[in-house]
C-alpha cells in the first residue's frame, strides 16, 4: 500500500477543512506516540508514514506547525527514515512561513 500515503494525506486535509480542524493534531499526536524502534525494524511502514507527513505538511502547514512538537521526538529515534521525514517537514514549514 505504498501508493496510499499521499491520497490519505489529501483525505485528511479535506476532512480537516470541512469538518474537524483538530483532526491533524490528533493524527500527529498518534504518530508521535508510535514506537521508534518498531519503525526502525519496519522500514516500509516508516516510508509510508514519512510520505504521509511530508505531504500533509504541504497541505496543512499551519496545523502541522501547531502539532510539530508532538512529532519532533522522532528526531531522537532509531528510524533514520522518520528523522529525515521530520527534517523535511520542518523544511516545508520554513518555506511556507518565510
N, C-alpha and C. Protein backbone atom coordinates (compact mmCIF):
# COMPACT_ATOMS: atom_id res chain seq x y z
N UNK A 1 0.80 -1.19 0.00
CA UNK A 1 0.00 0.00 0.00
C UNK A 1 0.85 1.26 0.00
N UNK A 2 1.99 1.19 -0.68
CA UNK A 2 2.90 2.33 -0.70
C UNK A 2 2.29 3.55 -1.37
N UNK A 3 1.35 3.35 -2.24
CA UNK A 3 0.77 4.46 -3.01
C UNK A 3 -0.32 5.22 -2.24
N UNK A 4 -0.68 4.78 -1.05
CA UNK A 4 -1.80 5.38 -0.33
C UNK A 4 -1.43 6.57 0.56
N UNK A 5 -0.16 6.81 0.78
CA UNK A 5 0.24 7.87 1.71
C UNK A 5 -0.28 9.25 1.27
N UNK A 6 -0.06 9.59 0.03
CA UNK A 6 -0.49 10.91 -0.45
C UNK A 6 -2.01 11.03 -0.54
N UNK A 7 -2.73 10.03 -1.08
CA UNK A 7 -4.19 10.15 -1.07
C UNK A 7 -4.78 10.23 0.34
N UNK A 8 -4.18 9.52 1.29
CA UNK A 8 -4.67 9.61 2.67
C UNK A 8 -4.42 11.00 3.25
N UNK A 9 -3.28 11.60 2.93
CA UNK A 9 -3.00 12.96 3.39
C UNK A 9 -4.00 13.94 2.79
N UNK A 10 -4.36 13.72 1.54
CA UNK A 10 -5.36 14.58 0.90
C UNK A 10 -6.74 14.37 1.52
N UNK A 11 -7.06 13.14 1.87
CA UNK A 11 -8.33 12.85 2.54
C UNK A 11 -8.38 13.54 3.90
N UNK A 12 -7.31 13.43 4.67
CA UNK A 12 -7.24 14.09 5.98
C UNK A 12 -7.37 15.60 5.80
N UNK A 13 -6.72 16.14 4.79
CA UNK A 13 -6.81 17.57 4.51
C UNK A 13 -8.26 17.98 4.23
N UNK A 14 -8.95 17.23 3.40
CA UNK A 14 -10.34 17.54 3.08
C UNK A 14 -11.25 17.46 4.30
N UNK A 15 -11.08 16.42 5.10
CA UNK A 15 -11.90 16.27 6.30
C UNK A 15 -11.60 17.39 7.29
N UNK A 16 -10.33 17.73 7.44
CA UNK A 16 -9.94 18.78 8.38
C UNK A 16 -10.52 20.13 7.96
N UNK A 17 -10.54 20.41 6.67
CA UNK A 17 -11.07 21.68 6.20
C UNK A 17 -12.59 21.77 6.35
N UNK A 18 -13.27 20.65 6.10
CA UNK A 18 -14.73 20.70 6.10
C UNK A 18 -15.36 20.42 7.46
N UNK A 19 -14.75 19.55 8.26
CA UNK A 19 -15.45 19.07 9.45
C UNK A 19 -14.69 19.26 10.76
N UNK A 20 -13.45 18.85 10.81
CA UNK A 20 -12.77 18.77 12.11
C UNK A 20 -11.34 19.28 11.99
N UNK A 21 -11.13 20.52 12.39
CA UNK A 21 -9.79 21.12 12.29
C UNK A 21 -8.80 20.47 13.25
N UNK A 22 -9.28 19.83 14.30
CA UNK A 22 -8.40 19.19 15.28
C UNK A 22 -7.90 17.82 14.81
N UNK A 23 -8.39 17.35 13.68
CA UNK A 23 -8.01 16.03 13.18
C UNK A 23 -6.51 15.91 12.94
N UNK A 24 -5.92 16.93 12.34
CA UNK A 24 -4.48 16.88 12.05
C UNK A 24 -3.68 16.76 13.34
N UNK A 25 -4.06 17.53 14.34
CA UNK A 25 -3.37 17.44 15.63
C UNK A 25 -3.50 16.07 16.26
N UNK A 26 -4.66 15.47 16.15
CA UNK A 26 -4.87 14.13 16.71
C UNK A 26 -4.01 13.10 15.99
N UNK A 27 -3.92 13.23 14.69
CA UNK A 27 -3.10 12.28 13.92
C UNK A 27 -1.63 12.47 14.26
N UNK A 28 -1.19 13.72 14.37
CA UNK A 28 0.21 13.96 14.72
C UNK A 28 0.52 13.44 16.12
N UNK A 29 -0.43 13.54 17.03
CA UNK A 29 -0.23 13.00 18.37
C UNK A 29 -0.02 11.49 18.33
N UNK A 30 -0.82 10.81 17.53
CA UNK A 30 -0.68 9.35 17.41
C UNK A 30 0.63 8.97 16.73
N UNK A 31 1.03 9.74 15.73
CA UNK A 31 2.31 9.46 15.08
C UNK A 31 3.46 9.68 16.07
N UNK A 32 3.34 10.71 16.89
CA UNK A 32 4.35 10.96 17.91
C UNK A 32 4.46 9.85 18.93
N UNK A 33 3.35 9.17 19.19
CA UNK A 33 3.34 8.06 20.16
C UNK A 33 3.87 6.75 19.56
N UNK A 34 4.04 6.71 18.27
CA UNK A 34 4.50 5.49 17.60
C UNK A 34 5.91 5.14 18.06
N UNK A 35 6.11 3.88 18.34
CA UNK A 35 7.40 3.40 18.83
C UNK A 35 8.46 3.49 17.72
N UNK A 36 9.51 4.27 17.98
CA UNK A 36 10.59 4.45 17.01
C UNK A 36 11.35 3.16 16.71
N UNK A 37 11.45 2.29 17.71
CA UNK A 37 12.13 1.01 17.50
C UNK A 37 11.36 0.16 16.49
N UNK A 38 10.06 0.18 16.59
CA UNK A 38 9.22 -0.56 15.65
C UNK A 38 9.38 -0.01 14.24
N UNK A 39 9.44 1.31 14.12
CA UNK A 39 9.61 1.92 12.80
C UNK A 39 10.98 1.63 12.20
N UNK A 40 11.99 1.48 13.04
CA UNK A 40 13.32 1.16 12.51
C UNK A 40 13.39 -0.26 11.97
N UNK A 41 12.55 -1.14 12.51
CA UNK A 41 12.52 -2.53 12.05
C UNK A 41 11.63 -2.70 10.81
N UNK A 42 10.59 -1.89 10.72
CA UNK A 42 9.63 -1.99 9.61
C UNK A 42 9.78 -0.75 8.72
N UNK A 43 10.76 -0.81 7.83
CA UNK A 43 11.08 0.37 7.03
C UNK A 43 9.96 0.75 6.06
N UNK A 44 9.19 -0.21 5.60
CA UNK A 44 8.08 0.11 4.69
C UNK A 44 7.05 0.98 5.40
N UNK A 45 6.76 0.65 6.64
CA UNK A 45 5.82 1.46 7.42
C UNK A 45 6.38 2.86 7.65
N UNK A 46 7.65 2.94 7.96
CA UNK A 46 8.28 4.24 8.19
C UNK A 46 8.26 5.08 6.92
N UNK A 47 8.50 4.45 5.76
CA UNK A 47 8.47 5.19 4.49
C UNK A 47 7.08 5.73 4.19
N UNK A 48 6.07 4.93 4.45
CA UNK A 48 4.69 5.38 4.22
C UNK A 48 4.32 6.51 5.17
N UNK A 49 4.71 6.37 6.42
CA UNK A 49 4.43 7.41 7.40
C UNK A 49 5.17 8.70 7.04
N UNK A 50 6.39 8.56 6.58
CA UNK A 50 7.19 9.73 6.18
C UNK A 50 6.54 10.44 4.99
N UNK A 51 6.12 9.69 3.99
CA UNK A 51 5.47 10.29 2.82
C UNK A 51 4.17 10.98 3.22
N UNK A 52 3.42 10.36 4.13
CA UNK A 52 2.18 10.96 4.62
C UNK A 52 2.46 12.28 5.33
N UNK A 53 3.44 12.30 6.23
CA UNK A 53 3.77 13.51 6.96
C UNK A 53 4.24 14.63 6.04
N UNK A 54 5.09 14.29 5.10
CA UNK A 54 5.63 15.30 4.19
C UNK A 54 4.51 15.92 3.34
N UNK A 55 3.61 15.09 2.85
CA UNK A 55 2.52 15.61 2.02
C UNK A 55 1.51 16.40 2.87
N UNK A 56 1.24 15.91 4.07
CA UNK A 56 0.33 16.62 4.95
C UNK A 56 0.88 17.99 5.33
N UNK A 57 2.19 18.08 5.52
CA UNK A 57 2.81 19.38 5.84
C UNK A 57 2.65 20.36 4.70
N UNK A 58 2.66 19.88 3.47
CA UNK A 58 2.47 20.79 2.34
C UNK A 58 1.01 21.20 2.18
N UNK A 59 0.07 20.36 2.62
CA UNK A 59 -1.36 20.66 2.51
C UNK A 59 -1.90 21.46 3.69
N UNK A 60 -1.41 21.18 4.88
CA UNK A 60 -1.90 21.80 6.11
C UNK A 60 -0.73 22.35 6.93
N UNK A 61 0.01 23.31 6.41
CA UNK A 61 1.21 23.76 7.12
C UNK A 61 0.93 24.38 8.50
N UNK A 62 -0.17 25.12 8.63
CA UNK A 62 -0.47 25.74 9.92
C UNK A 62 -0.77 24.69 10.98
N UNK A 63 -1.57 23.71 10.62
CA UNK A 63 -1.93 22.65 11.57
C UNK A 63 -0.72 21.80 11.93
N UNK A 64 0.11 21.49 10.95
CA UNK A 64 1.31 20.69 11.22
C UNK A 64 2.29 21.50 12.08
N UNK A 65 2.39 22.79 11.82
CA UNK A 65 3.28 23.63 12.65
C UNK A 65 2.79 23.65 14.09
N UNK A 66 1.49 23.69 14.30
CA UNK A 66 0.94 23.66 15.66
C UNK A 66 1.21 22.34 16.37
N UNK A 67 1.26 21.25 15.61
CA UNK A 67 1.48 19.93 16.20
C UNK A 67 2.90 19.42 16.06
N UNK A 68 3.80 20.28 15.62
CA UNK A 68 5.18 19.84 15.36
C UNK A 68 5.85 19.27 16.60
N UNK A 69 5.57 19.85 17.75
CA UNK A 69 6.19 19.39 19.00
C UNK A 69 5.86 17.93 19.30
N UNK A 70 4.75 17.44 18.77
CA UNK A 70 4.35 16.05 19.04
C UNK A 70 5.14 15.04 18.22
N UNK A 71 5.68 15.47 17.08
CA UNK A 71 6.42 14.52 16.23
C UNK A 71 7.93 14.71 16.30
N UNK A 72 8.37 15.84 16.87
CA UNK A 72 9.81 16.12 16.96
C UNK A 72 10.58 15.05 17.76
N UNK A 73 9.98 14.39 18.76
CA UNK A 73 10.73 13.34 19.45
C UNK A 73 11.26 12.23 18.54
N UNK A 74 10.70 12.08 17.34
CA UNK A 74 11.22 11.08 16.41
C UNK A 74 12.62 11.43 15.91
N UNK A 75 13.05 12.68 16.12
CA UNK A 75 14.42 13.05 15.75
C UNK A 75 15.44 12.29 16.59
N UNK A 76 15.05 11.88 17.78
CA UNK A 76 15.93 11.10 18.66
C UNK A 76 15.74 9.60 18.48
N UNK A 77 14.83 9.21 17.58
CA UNK A 77 14.52 7.79 17.40
C UNK A 77 15.54 7.06 16.56
N UNK A 78 15.34 5.76 16.48
CA UNK A 78 16.25 4.89 15.74
C UNK A 78 16.02 4.93 14.23
N UNK A 79 14.84 5.28 13.80
CA UNK A 79 14.50 5.23 12.38
C UNK A 79 15.04 6.45 11.64
N UNK A 80 16.03 6.22 10.79
CA UNK A 80 16.58 7.32 10.01
C UNK A 80 15.56 7.87 9.03
N UNK A 81 14.64 7.03 8.60
CA UNK A 81 13.60 7.47 7.67
C UNK A 81 12.70 8.51 8.36
N UNK A 82 12.34 8.25 9.60
CA UNK A 82 11.50 9.20 10.33
C UNK A 82 12.28 10.47 10.66
N UNK A 83 13.56 10.34 10.98
CA UNK A 83 14.37 11.54 11.23
C UNK A 83 14.41 12.41 9.98
N UNK A 84 14.63 11.80 8.83
CA UNK A 84 14.63 12.54 7.57
C UNK A 84 13.27 13.16 7.28
N UNK A 85 12.21 12.45 7.61
CA UNK A 85 10.86 12.97 7.37
C UNK A 85 10.59 14.20 8.23
N UNK A 86 11.01 14.17 9.48
CA UNK A 86 10.79 15.32 10.37
C UNK A 86 11.57 16.52 9.86
N UNK A 87 12.80 16.30 9.42
CA UNK A 87 13.60 17.39 8.85
C UNK A 87 12.93 17.94 7.60
N UNK A 88 12.39 17.07 6.77
CA UNK A 88 11.69 17.50 5.56
C UNK A 88 10.43 18.30 5.91
N UNK A 89 9.71 17.88 6.93
CA UNK A 89 8.52 18.61 7.37
C UNK A 89 8.91 20.01 7.85
N UNK A 90 9.97 20.09 8.63
CA UNK A 90 10.43 21.40 9.12
C UNK A 90 10.84 22.28 7.94
N UNK A 91 11.52 21.72 6.96
CA UNK A 91 11.91 22.49 5.78
C UNK A 91 10.69 23.00 5.00
N UNK A 92 9.67 22.15 4.88
CA UNK A 92 8.44 22.56 4.21
C UNK A 92 7.78 23.71 4.96
N UNK A 93 7.76 23.61 6.28
CA UNK A 93 7.15 24.67 7.08
C UNK A 93 7.94 25.96 6.99
N UNK A 94 9.26 25.86 6.99
CA UNK A 94 10.08 27.06 6.85
C UNK A 94 9.85 27.75 5.51
N UNK A 95 9.72 26.97 4.45
CA UNK A 95 9.44 27.54 3.14
C UNK A 95 8.06 28.20 3.10
N UNK A 96 7.10 27.63 3.81
CA UNK A 96 5.76 28.19 3.82
C UNK A 96 5.70 29.50 4.60
N UNK A 97 6.39 29.55 5.73
CA UNK A 97 6.29 30.71 6.62
C UNK A 97 7.35 31.78 6.35
N UNK A 98 8.16 31.64 5.32
CA UNK A 98 9.20 32.64 5.10
C UNK A 98 8.67 33.94 4.56
